[in-house]
Amino acid sequence: MAKLVFGMNMSLDGYVDHTAFAPGPELFRHFIEQVKGLAGGLYGRKIYDLMRYWDEDQDDWGDAERDFAEAWRALPKWVASRSLTEVGPNATLVSGELDDFVRKLKADRDGTIDVAGTRLAHSLVPSGLIDAYHLYIHPVVLGSGTPLFAGPRPPLRLVATEQMDANVVRLSYVPA
């Protein structure tokens, strides 16, 4: 049975914004290796649209960007969306009952499936479908934006901390 893990970069004050901060080289290398080891990725529409950047090579990419793009392209992806009518390579559109789909996906797969997108993660919490949370804390205070957590959460238990680079810490939680 697969394990669903919601991982996200966030500011010290709990917001997500990919334009406000980015991973440094060491953390980016971590993400490359992480994606290579995943059984798949479950994406919300907004984050999927953002990640489609990796579908086409860019002239200014270095080796790390090419490595990430290769891992991203190989990753089986499921995209939860009510507005999309099609998705890109190696991706499947999920437009029906999401909780039922995710239960079946977890039952049919082994390994770790990444959950990407705050709204998507929020929708899975009430059903208890997220098995772990990996929060990458960046030393930035945004003061506003999209909160990582919106609404009630189940009680969480800290299971690991790891310094990812000179400035970023990953906190790993599971439902208590």
N, C-alpha and C. Protein backbone atom coordinates (compact mmCIF):
# COMPACT_ATOMS: atom_id res chain seq x y z
N MET A 1 0.84 -1.18 0.00
CA MET A 1 0.00 0.00 0.00
C MET A 1 0.88 1.24 0.00
N ALA A 2 0.54 2.21 -0.83
CA ALA A 2 1.31 3.44 -0.94
C ALA A 2 1.04 4.36 0.24
N LYS A 3 1.99 5.21 0.48
CA LYS A 3 1.90 6.22 1.53
C LYS A 3 1.79 7.58 0.84
N LEU A 4 0.83 8.39 1.25
CA LEU A 4 0.62 9.73 0.69
C LEU A 4 1.32 10.75 1.57
N VAL A 5 2.25 11.51 0.98
CA VAL A 5 3.04 12.49 1.73
C VAL A 5 2.83 13.88 1.11
N PHE A 6 2.39 14.81 1.94
CA PHE A 6 2.25 16.20 1.52
C PHE A 6 3.51 16.94 1.92
N GLY A 7 4.26 17.40 0.94
CA GLY A 7 5.47 18.15 1.21
C GLY A 7 5.39 19.50 0.55
N MET A 8 5.90 20.53 1.25
CA MET A 8 5.81 21.87 0.69
C MET A 8 6.86 22.77 1.31
N ASN A 9 7.40 23.66 0.48
CA ASN A 9 8.26 24.73 0.97
C ASN A 9 7.37 25.80 1.58
N MET A 10 7.78 26.33 2.73
CA MET A 10 6.96 27.35 3.37
C MET A 10 7.84 28.37 4.08
N SER A 11 7.25 29.55 4.30
CA SER A 11 7.94 30.61 5.03
C SER A 11 7.84 30.34 6.53
N LEU A 12 8.60 31.08 7.31
CA LEU A 12 8.56 30.96 8.77
C LEU A 12 7.16 31.24 9.32
N ASP A 13 6.43 32.12 8.64
CA ASP A 13 5.09 32.46 9.12
C ASP A 13 3.98 31.65 8.46
N GLY A 14 4.34 30.55 7.78
CA GLY A 14 3.35 29.58 7.35
C GLY A 14 2.74 29.77 5.98
N TYR A 15 3.38 30.55 5.10
CA TYR A 15 2.82 30.78 3.77
C TYR A 15 3.66 30.09 2.70
N VAL A 16 3.01 29.81 1.57
CA VAL A 16 3.69 29.24 0.41
C VAL A 16 3.61 30.24 -0.73
N ASP A 17 4.74 30.41 -1.42
CA ASP A 17 4.79 31.32 -2.56
C ASP A 17 6.08 31.02 -3.31
N HIS A 18 5.96 30.33 -4.44
CA HIS A 18 7.15 29.92 -5.18
C HIS A 18 7.95 31.09 -5.73
N THR A 19 7.36 32.28 -5.78
CA THR A 19 8.09 33.44 -6.29
C THR A 19 8.88 34.16 -5.20
N ALA A 20 8.62 33.86 -3.93
CA ALA A 20 9.25 34.58 -2.82
C ALA A 20 10.56 33.94 -2.36
N PHE A 21 10.72 32.65 -2.59
CA PHE A 21 11.95 31.96 -2.20
C PHE A 21 12.06 30.68 -3.01
N ALA A 22 13.29 30.22 -3.16
CA ALA A 22 13.54 29.01 -3.96
C ALA A 22 14.60 28.17 -3.26
N PRO A 23 14.64 26.88 -3.57
CA PRO A 23 15.67 26.04 -2.95
C PRO A 23 17.05 26.38 -3.49
N GLY A 24 18.04 26.34 -2.60
CA GLY A 24 19.42 26.47 -3.03
C GLY A 24 19.89 25.17 -3.67
N PRO A 25 21.13 25.12 -4.12
CA PRO A 25 21.63 23.94 -4.83
C PRO A 25 21.53 22.63 -4.04
N GLU A 26 21.85 22.67 -2.75
CA GLU A 26 21.82 21.45 -1.94
C GLU A 26 20.39 20.93 -1.77
N LEU A 27 19.45 21.82 -1.49
CA LEU A 27 18.05 21.43 -1.34
C LEU A 27 17.47 20.99 -2.68
N PHE A 28 17.85 21.66 -3.76
CA PHE A 28 17.37 21.26 -5.08
C PHE A 28 17.83 19.84 -5.41
N ARG A 29 19.07 19.51 -5.06
CA ARG A 29 19.58 18.15 -5.29
C ARG A 29 18.76 17.15 -4.48
N HIS A 30 18.39 17.51 -3.26
CA HIS A 30 17.51 16.66 -2.45
C HIS A 30 16.19 16.40 -3.18
N PHE A 31 15.60 17.44 -3.74
CA PHE A 31 14.33 17.28 -4.45
C PHE A 31 14.48 16.40 -5.69
N ILE A 32 15.60 16.50 -6.37
CA ILE A 32 15.84 15.64 -7.54
C ILE A 32 15.83 14.17 -7.09
N GLU A 33 16.59 13.86 -6.05
CA GLU A 33 16.65 12.47 -5.57
C GLU A 33 15.31 12.02 -5.02
N GLN A 34 14.60 12.91 -4.37
CA GLN A 34 13.28 12.57 -3.85
C GLN A 34 12.33 12.19 -4.98
N VAL A 35 12.27 13.00 -6.03
CA VAL A 35 11.37 12.73 -7.15
C VAL A 35 11.73 11.41 -7.83
N LYS A 36 13.02 11.13 -7.95
CA LYS A 36 13.46 9.86 -8.54
C LYS A 36 12.94 8.66 -7.77
N GLY A 37 12.75 8.81 -6.44
CA GLY A 37 12.33 7.69 -5.61
C GLY A 37 10.83 7.57 -5.40
N LEU A 38 10.05 8.47 -5.96
CA LEU A 38 8.61 8.44 -5.74
C LEU A 38 7.91 7.39 -6.60
N ALA A 39 6.79 6.89 -6.10
CA ALA A 39 5.93 6.00 -6.88
C ALA A 39 4.99 6.81 -7.77
N GLY A 40 4.86 8.11 -7.49
CA GLY A 40 4.01 8.97 -8.30
C GLY A 40 3.77 10.28 -7.59
N GLY A 41 3.04 11.15 -8.28
CA GLY A 41 2.70 12.45 -7.72
C GLY A 41 1.24 12.77 -7.97
N LEU A 42 0.58 13.25 -6.94
CA LEU A 42 -0.82 13.69 -7.04
C LEU A 42 -0.81 15.21 -6.96
N TYR A 43 -1.30 15.85 -8.00
CA TYR A 43 -1.18 17.30 -8.14
C TYR A 43 -2.54 17.97 -8.21
N GLY A 44 -2.62 19.15 -7.61
CA GLY A 44 -3.73 20.04 -7.86
C GLY A 44 -3.45 20.79 -9.15
N ARG A 45 -4.47 21.43 -9.71
CA ARG A 45 -4.33 22.08 -11.01
C ARG A 45 -3.28 23.19 -11.00
N LYS A 46 -3.29 24.05 -10.00
CA LYS A 46 -2.37 25.19 -10.01
C LYS A 46 -0.92 24.74 -9.95
N ILE A 47 -0.60 23.82 -9.05
CA ILE A 47 0.80 23.38 -8.94
C ILE A 47 1.19 22.55 -10.16
N TYR A 48 0.25 21.80 -10.72
CA TYR A 48 0.55 21.05 -11.94
C TYR A 48 0.89 22.01 -13.08
N ASP A 49 0.09 23.06 -13.23
CA ASP A 49 0.38 24.05 -14.28
C ASP A 49 1.77 24.65 -14.08
N LEU A 50 2.12 24.93 -12.85
CA LEU A 50 3.43 25.48 -12.54
C LEU A 50 4.54 24.47 -12.87
N MET A 51 4.33 23.22 -12.52
CA MET A 51 5.35 22.19 -12.73
C MET A 51 5.51 21.78 -14.20
N ARG A 52 4.54 22.09 -15.02
CA ARG A 52 4.65 21.77 -16.45
C ARG A 52 5.86 22.46 -17.09
N TYR A 53 6.40 23.44 -16.41
CA TYR A 53 7.64 24.09 -16.84
C TYR A 53 8.71 23.04 -17.14
N TRP A 54 8.73 21.95 -16.39
CA TRP A 54 9.77 20.94 -16.51
C TRP A 54 9.55 19.99 -17.69
N ASP A 55 8.44 20.11 -18.40
CA ASP A 55 8.16 19.23 -19.54
C ASP A 55 9.02 19.55 -20.77
N GLU A 56 9.52 20.76 -20.87
CA GLU A 56 10.29 21.16 -22.06
C GLU A 56 11.64 21.73 -21.64
N ASP A 57 12.71 21.23 -22.23
CA ASP A 57 14.05 21.72 -21.93
C ASP A 57 14.17 23.21 -22.20
N GLN A 58 14.95 23.87 -21.35
CA GLN A 58 15.24 25.30 -21.51
C GLN A 58 16.73 25.47 -21.78
N ASP A 59 17.06 26.42 -22.63
CA ASP A 59 18.46 26.63 -23.01
C ASP A 59 19.37 27.00 -21.85
N ASP A 60 18.83 27.68 -20.85
CA ASP A 60 19.66 28.16 -19.75
C ASP A 60 19.79 27.18 -18.58
N TRP A 61 19.28 25.97 -18.72
CA TRP A 61 19.37 24.99 -17.64
C TRP A 61 20.79 24.46 -17.49
N GLY A 62 21.14 24.17 -16.25
CA GLY A 62 22.38 23.47 -15.95
C GLY A 62 22.07 21.99 -15.75
N ASP A 63 23.07 21.26 -15.27
CA ASP A 63 22.91 19.82 -15.07
C ASP A 63 21.81 19.49 -14.05
N ALA A 64 21.73 20.26 -12.97
CA ALA A 64 20.73 19.97 -11.95
C ALA A 64 19.31 20.14 -12.51
N GLU A 65 19.08 21.18 -13.26
CA GLU A 65 17.75 21.38 -13.85
C GLU A 65 17.40 20.27 -14.83
N ARG A 66 18.37 19.83 -15.60
CA ARG A 66 18.13 18.73 -16.54
C ARG A 66 17.82 17.43 -15.78
N ASP A 67 18.54 17.19 -14.68
CA ASP A 67 18.29 16.01 -13.86
C ASP A 67 16.88 16.04 -13.28
N PHE A 68 16.47 17.21 -12.78
CA PHE A 68 15.13 17.31 -12.21
C PHE A 68 14.08 17.09 -13.28
N ALA A 69 14.26 17.70 -14.44
CA ALA A 69 13.30 17.55 -15.53
C ALA A 69 13.17 16.08 -15.94
N GLU A 70 14.27 15.38 -16.00
CA GLU A 70 14.24 13.95 -16.36
C GLU A 70 13.44 13.16 -15.33
N ALA A 71 13.68 13.43 -14.05
CA ALA A 71 12.95 12.73 -12.99
C ALA A 71 11.47 13.09 -13.03
N TRP A 72 11.14 14.36 -13.21
CA TRP A 72 9.74 14.83 -13.29
C TRP A 72 9.01 14.15 -14.46
N ARG A 73 9.65 14.10 -15.60
CA ARG A 73 9.01 13.52 -16.80
C ARG A 73 8.74 12.04 -16.62
N ALA A 74 9.61 11.34 -15.89
CA ALA A 74 9.44 9.90 -15.69
C ALA A 74 8.39 9.58 -14.62
N LEU A 75 8.06 10.55 -13.80
CA LEU A 75 7.15 10.34 -12.67
C LEU A 75 5.70 10.17 -13.13
N PRO A 76 5.04 9.08 -12.74
CA PRO A 76 3.60 8.99 -13.00
C PRO A 76 2.88 10.08 -12.21
N LYS A 77 1.98 10.79 -12.88
CA LYS A 77 1.29 11.91 -12.25
C LYS A 77 -0.22 11.77 -12.40
N TRP A 78 -0.94 12.16 -11.34
CA TRP A 78 -2.40 12.22 -11.37
C TRP A 78 -2.76 13.65 -11.02
N VAL A 79 -3.61 14.25 -11.83
CA VAL A 79 -3.94 15.67 -11.67
C VAL A 79 -5.41 15.81 -11.34
N ALA A 80 -5.69 16.31 -10.14
CA ALA A 80 -7.07 16.53 -9.70
C ALA A 80 -7.51 17.92 -10.15
N SER A 81 -8.49 17.95 -11.05
CA SER A 81 -8.96 19.23 -11.57
C SER A 81 -10.38 19.11 -12.08
N ARG A 82 -11.16 20.16 -11.82
CA ARG A 82 -12.50 20.25 -12.40
C ARG A 82 -12.51 21.08 -13.66
N SER A 83 -11.41 21.82 -13.91
CA SER A 83 -11.39 22.72 -15.05
C SER A 83 -10.55 22.22 -16.22
N LEU A 84 -9.54 21.42 -15.97
CA LEU A 84 -8.72 20.91 -17.08
C LEU A 84 -9.48 19.86 -17.86
N THR A 85 -9.22 19.81 -19.15
CA THR A 85 -9.82 18.76 -19.99
C THR A 85 -8.76 17.79 -20.49
N GLU A 86 -7.49 18.17 -20.36
CA GLU A 86 -6.40 17.28 -20.73
C GLU A 86 -5.17 17.63 -19.92
N VAL A 87 -4.26 16.67 -19.83
CA VAL A 87 -3.00 16.88 -19.12
C VAL A 87 -1.86 16.41 -19.99
N GLY A 88 -0.65 16.73 -19.60
CA GLY A 88 0.53 16.45 -20.39
C GLY A 88 1.00 15.01 -20.29
N PRO A 89 2.23 14.79 -20.75
CA PRO A 89 2.81 13.44 -20.78
C PRO A 89 2.90 12.80 -19.40
N ASN A 90 2.68 11.51 -19.37
CA ASN A 90 2.82 10.70 -18.16
C ASN A 90 1.91 11.18 -17.03
N ALA A 91 0.77 11.78 -17.40
CA ALA A 91 -0.17 12.30 -16.42
C ALA A 91 -1.58 11.82 -16.75
N THR A 92 -2.36 11.63 -15.70
CA THR A 92 -3.75 11.19 -15.82
C THR A 92 -4.64 12.22 -15.14
N LEU A 93 -5.70 12.62 -15.81
CA LEU A 93 -6.64 13.59 -15.24
C LEU A 93 -7.61 12.86 -14.31
N VAL A 94 -7.77 13.40 -13.10
CA VAL A 94 -8.70 12.86 -12.12
C VAL A 94 -9.81 13.89 -11.97
N SER A 95 -11.01 13.53 -12.41
CA SER A 95 -12.09 14.51 -12.37
C SER A 95 -13.30 14.01 -11.58
N GLY A 96 -13.26 12.77 -11.14
CA GLY A 96 -14.39 12.21 -10.40
C GLY A 96 -14.24 12.42 -8.91
N GLU A 97 -14.82 11.52 -8.13
CA GLU A 97 -14.77 11.56 -6.67
C GLU A 97 -13.32 11.35 -6.21
N LEU A 98 -12.70 12.39 -5.68
CA LEU A 98 -11.27 12.36 -5.37
C LEU A 98 -10.93 11.39 -4.24
N ASP A 99 -11.69 11.40 -3.15
CA ASP A 99 -11.37 10.51 -2.02
C ASP A 99 -11.37 9.05 -2.45
N ASP A 100 -12.36 8.63 -3.22
CA ASP A 100 -12.42 7.25 -3.69
C ASP A 100 -11.23 6.93 -4.58
N PHE A 101 -10.90 7.87 -5.48
CA PHE A 101 -9.76 7.66 -6.36
C PHE A 101 -8.47 7.49 -5.56
N VAL A 102 -8.26 8.36 -4.57
CA VAL A 102 -7.03 8.31 -3.77
C VAL A 102 -6.96 7.02 -2.96
N ARG A 103 -8.06 6.59 -2.40
CA ARG A 103 -8.06 5.31 -1.65
C ARG A 103 -7.63 4.16 -2.56
N LYS A 104 -8.18 4.12 -3.76
CA LYS A 104 -7.83 3.06 -4.72
C LYS A 104 -6.37 3.19 -5.15
N LEU A 105 -5.92 4.41 -5.40
CA LEU A 105 -4.53 4.64 -5.80
C LEU A 105 -3.58 4.13 -4.72
N LYS A 106 -3.86 4.46 -3.47
CA LYS A 106 -3.02 4.00 -2.37
C LYS A 106 -3.03 2.48 -2.26
N ALA A 107 -4.19 1.87 -2.46
CA ALA A 107 -4.31 0.42 -2.34
C ALA A 107 -3.59 -0.30 -3.49
N ASP A 108 -3.58 0.30 -4.66
CA ASP A 108 -3.02 -0.35 -5.85
C ASP A 108 -1.53 -0.13 -6.04
N ARG A 109 -0.93 0.76 -5.29
CA ARG A 109 0.48 1.11 -5.48
C ARG A 109 1.28 0.82 -4.22
N ASP A 110 2.58 0.74 -4.40
CA ASP A 110 3.53 0.65 -3.30
C ASP A 110 4.44 1.86 -3.37
N GLY A 111 5.02 2.23 -2.25
CA GLY A 111 5.95 3.35 -2.23
C GLY A 111 5.31 4.63 -1.76
N THR A 112 5.94 5.74 -2.09
CA THR A 112 5.49 7.05 -1.66
C THR A 112 4.91 7.82 -2.83
N ILE A 113 3.74 8.39 -2.60
CA ILE A 113 3.10 9.27 -3.58
C ILE A 113 3.10 10.67 -2.98
N ASP A 114 3.69 11.60 -3.71
CA ASP A 114 3.78 12.98 -3.27
C ASP A 114 2.46 13.69 -3.54
N VAL A 115 1.99 14.47 -2.58
CA VAL A 115 0.81 15.32 -2.76
C VAL A 115 1.32 16.74 -2.92
N ALA A 116 0.98 17.38 -4.03
CA ALA A 116 1.47 18.74 -4.30
C ALA A 116 0.28 19.66 -4.52
N GLY A 117 0.24 20.70 -3.72
CA GLY A 117 -0.82 21.69 -3.83
C GLY A 117 -1.55 21.83 -2.51
N THR A 118 -1.60 23.05 -1.99
CA THR A 118 -2.23 23.25 -0.69
C THR A 118 -3.73 22.98 -0.71
N ARG A 119 -4.43 23.43 -1.74
CA ARG A 119 -5.88 23.21 -1.78
C ARG A 119 -6.19 21.72 -1.91
N LEU A 120 -5.40 21.01 -2.70
CA LEU A 120 -5.57 19.57 -2.83
C LEU A 120 -5.35 18.89 -1.48
N ALA A 121 -4.27 19.23 -0.81
CA ALA A 121 -3.99 18.63 0.50
C ALA A 121 -5.11 18.94 1.48
N HIS A 122 -5.59 20.18 1.49
CA HIS A 122 -6.69 20.55 2.39
C HIS A 122 -7.90 19.66 2.16
N SER A 123 -8.17 19.33 0.89
CA SER A 123 -9.35 18.52 0.58
C SER A 123 -9.21 17.07 1.03
N LEU A 124 -7.99 16.59 1.20
CA LEU A 124 -7.75 15.19 1.58
C LEU A 124 -7.68 14.98 3.09
N VAL A 125 -7.47 16.05 3.84
CA VAL A 125 -7.30 15.93 5.29
C VAL A 125 -8.54 15.37 5.99
N PRO A 126 -9.75 15.86 5.71
CA PRO A 126 -10.92 15.35 6.45
C PRO A 126 -11.11 13.83 6.33
N SER A 127 -10.66 13.25 5.22
CA SER A 127 -10.81 11.81 5.03
C SER A 127 -9.63 11.02 5.60
N GLY A 128 -8.65 11.71 6.15
CA GLY A 128 -7.50 11.03 6.74
C GLY A 128 -6.60 10.36 5.72
N LEU A 129 -6.53 10.89 4.51
CA LEU A 129 -5.79 10.23 3.44
C LEU A 129 -4.30 10.59 3.39
N ILE A 130 -3.91 11.64 4.08
CA ILE A 130 -2.49 12.02 4.08
C ILE A 130 -1.80 11.31 5.24
N ASP A 131 -0.74 10.59 4.90
CA ASP A 131 -0.02 9.78 5.88
C ASP A 131 1.12 10.52 6.56
N ALA A 132 1.66 11.54 5.90
CA ALA A 132 2.78 12.28 6.47
C ALA A 132 2.85 13.67 5.85
N TYR A 133 3.47 14.58 6.61
CA TYR A 133 3.67 15.95 6.16
C TYR A 133 5.15 16.25 6.26
N HIS A 134 5.74 16.74 5.16
CA HIS A 134 7.14 17.16 5.15
C HIS A 134 7.15 18.66 4.87
N LEU A 135 7.46 19.43 5.89
CA LEU A 135 7.42 20.88 5.79
C LEU A 135 8.85 21.42 5.71
N TYR A 136 9.16 22.07 4.61
CA TYR A 136 10.48 22.65 4.39
C TYR A 136 10.40 24.12 4.76
N ILE A 137 10.98 24.48 5.91
CA ILE A 137 10.87 25.81 6.47
C ILE A 137 12.04 26.68 5.98
N HIS A 138 11.70 27.76 5.25
CA HIS A 138 12.70 28.71 4.75
C HIS A 138 12.71 29.94 5.64
N PRO A 139 13.88 30.57 5.84
CA PRO A 139 13.99 31.72 6.74
C PRO A 139 13.50 33.02 6.08
N VAL A 140 12.23 33.03 5.74
CA VAL A 140 11.60 34.16 5.07
C VAL A 140 10.27 34.41 5.78
N VAL A 141 9.94 35.68 5.99
CA VAL A 141 8.63 36.04 6.54
C VAL A 141 7.89 36.80 5.45
N LEU A 142 6.74 36.25 5.02
CA LEU A 142 5.98 36.86 3.93
C LEU A 142 4.89 37.80 4.42
N GLY A 143 4.30 37.52 5.56
CA GLY A 143 3.26 38.39 6.10
C GLY A 143 1.88 38.19 5.51
N SER A 144 1.79 37.54 4.36
CA SER A 144 0.49 37.25 3.75
C SER A 144 0.70 36.30 2.59
N GLY A 145 -0.41 35.84 2.04
CA GLY A 145 -0.34 34.93 0.89
C GLY A 145 -1.20 33.71 1.12
N THR A 146 -0.81 32.62 0.49
CA THR A 146 -1.53 31.36 0.62
C THR A 146 -0.99 30.61 1.84
N PRO A 147 -1.85 30.38 2.85
CA PRO A 147 -1.36 29.66 4.02
C PRO A 147 -1.17 28.18 3.71
N LEU A 148 -0.13 27.61 4.28
CA LEU A 148 0.09 26.18 4.09
C LEU A 148 -1.07 25.40 4.67
N PHE A 149 -1.49 25.78 5.86
CA PHE A 149 -2.62 25.12 6.49
C PHE A 149 -3.77 26.11 6.59
N ALA A 150 -4.90 25.72 6.08
CA ALA A 150 -6.11 26.55 6.19
C ALA A 150 -7.20 25.64 6.75
N GLY A 151 -7.75 26.02 7.86
CA GLY A 151 -8.78 25.19 8.48
C GLY A 151 -8.18 24.20 9.45
N PRO A 152 -9.03 23.45 10.09
CA PRO A 152 -8.56 22.51 11.12
C PRO A 152 -7.71 21.39 10.54
N ARG A 153 -6.78 20.94 11.31
CA ARG A 153 -5.89 19.83 10.98
C ARG A 153 -6.03 18.79 12.06
N PRO A 154 -5.79 17.55 11.73
CA PRO A 154 -5.73 16.55 12.81
C PRO A 154 -4.50 16.83 13.65
N PRO A 155 -4.51 16.41 14.90
CA PRO A 155 -3.28 16.57 15.69
C PRO A 155 -2.13 15.85 14.99
N LEU A 156 -0.97 16.49 14.99
CA LEU A 156 0.20 15.92 14.33
C LEU A 156 1.27 15.60 15.36
N ARG A 157 2.09 14.60 15.02
CA ARG A 157 3.20 14.20 15.88
C ARG A 157 4.50 14.35 15.09
N LEU A 158 5.45 15.09 15.65
CA LEU A 158 6.74 15.28 15.01
C LEU A 158 7.52 13.96 15.05
N VAL A 159 8.00 13.51 13.88
CA VAL A 159 8.75 12.26 13.83
C VAL A 159 10.20 12.45 13.39
N ALA A 160 10.50 13.61 12.79
CA ALA A 160 11.89 13.84 12.37
C ALA A 160 12.12 15.32 12.07
N THR A 161 13.35 15.73 12.29
CA THR A 161 13.82 17.04 11.84
C THR A 161 15.13 16.81 11.11
N GLU A 162 15.33 17.61 10.07
CA GLU A 162 16.56 17.46 9.30
C GLU A 162 16.95 18.82 8.73
N GLN A 163 18.20 19.20 8.96
CA GLN A 163 18.70 20.42 8.32
C GLN A 163 19.04 20.07 6.88
N MET A 164 18.38 20.75 5.92
CA MET A 164 18.51 20.40 4.51
C MET A 164 19.67 21.14 3.84
N ASP A 165 19.91 22.36 4.28
CA ASP A 165 21.06 23.14 3.84
C ASP A 165 21.34 24.16 4.94
N ALA A 166 22.12 25.17 4.65
CA ALA A 166 22.50 26.12 5.70
C ALA A 166 21.31 26.87 6.28
N ASN A 167 20.22 26.98 5.54
CA ASN A 167 19.09 27.81 5.97
C ASN A 167 17.75 27.10 6.10
N VAL A 168 17.60 25.92 5.56
CA VAL A 168 16.29 25.26 5.49
C VAL A 168 16.26 24.02 6.36
N VAL A 169 15.17 23.89 7.11
CA VAL A 169 14.94 22.72 7.97
C VAL A 169 13.69 22.01 7.47
N ARG A 170 13.75 20.68 7.45
CA ARG A 170 12.53 19.89 7.15
C ARG A 170 12.01 19.30 8.43
N LEU A 171 10.74 19.57 8.69
CA LEU A 171 10.02 18.98 9.81
C LEU A 171 9.09 17.91 9.23
N SER A 172 9.16 16.71 9.76
CA SER A 172 8.31 15.61 9.28
C SER A 172 7.32 15.25 10.39
N TYR A 173 6.06 15.24 10.01
CA TYR A 173 4.96 14.95 10.94
C TYR A 173 4.11 13.82 10.40
N VAL A 174 3.46 13.09 11.30
CA VAL A 174 2.43 12.12 10.94
C VAL A 174 1.20 12.45 11.79
N PRO A 175 0.01 12.04 11.34
CA PRO A 175 -1.17 12.24 12.20
C PRO A 175 -0.96 11.52 13.53
N ALA A 176 -1.33 12.21 14.61
CA ALA A 176 -1.13 11.64 15.94
C ALA A 176 -2.17 10.56 16.24
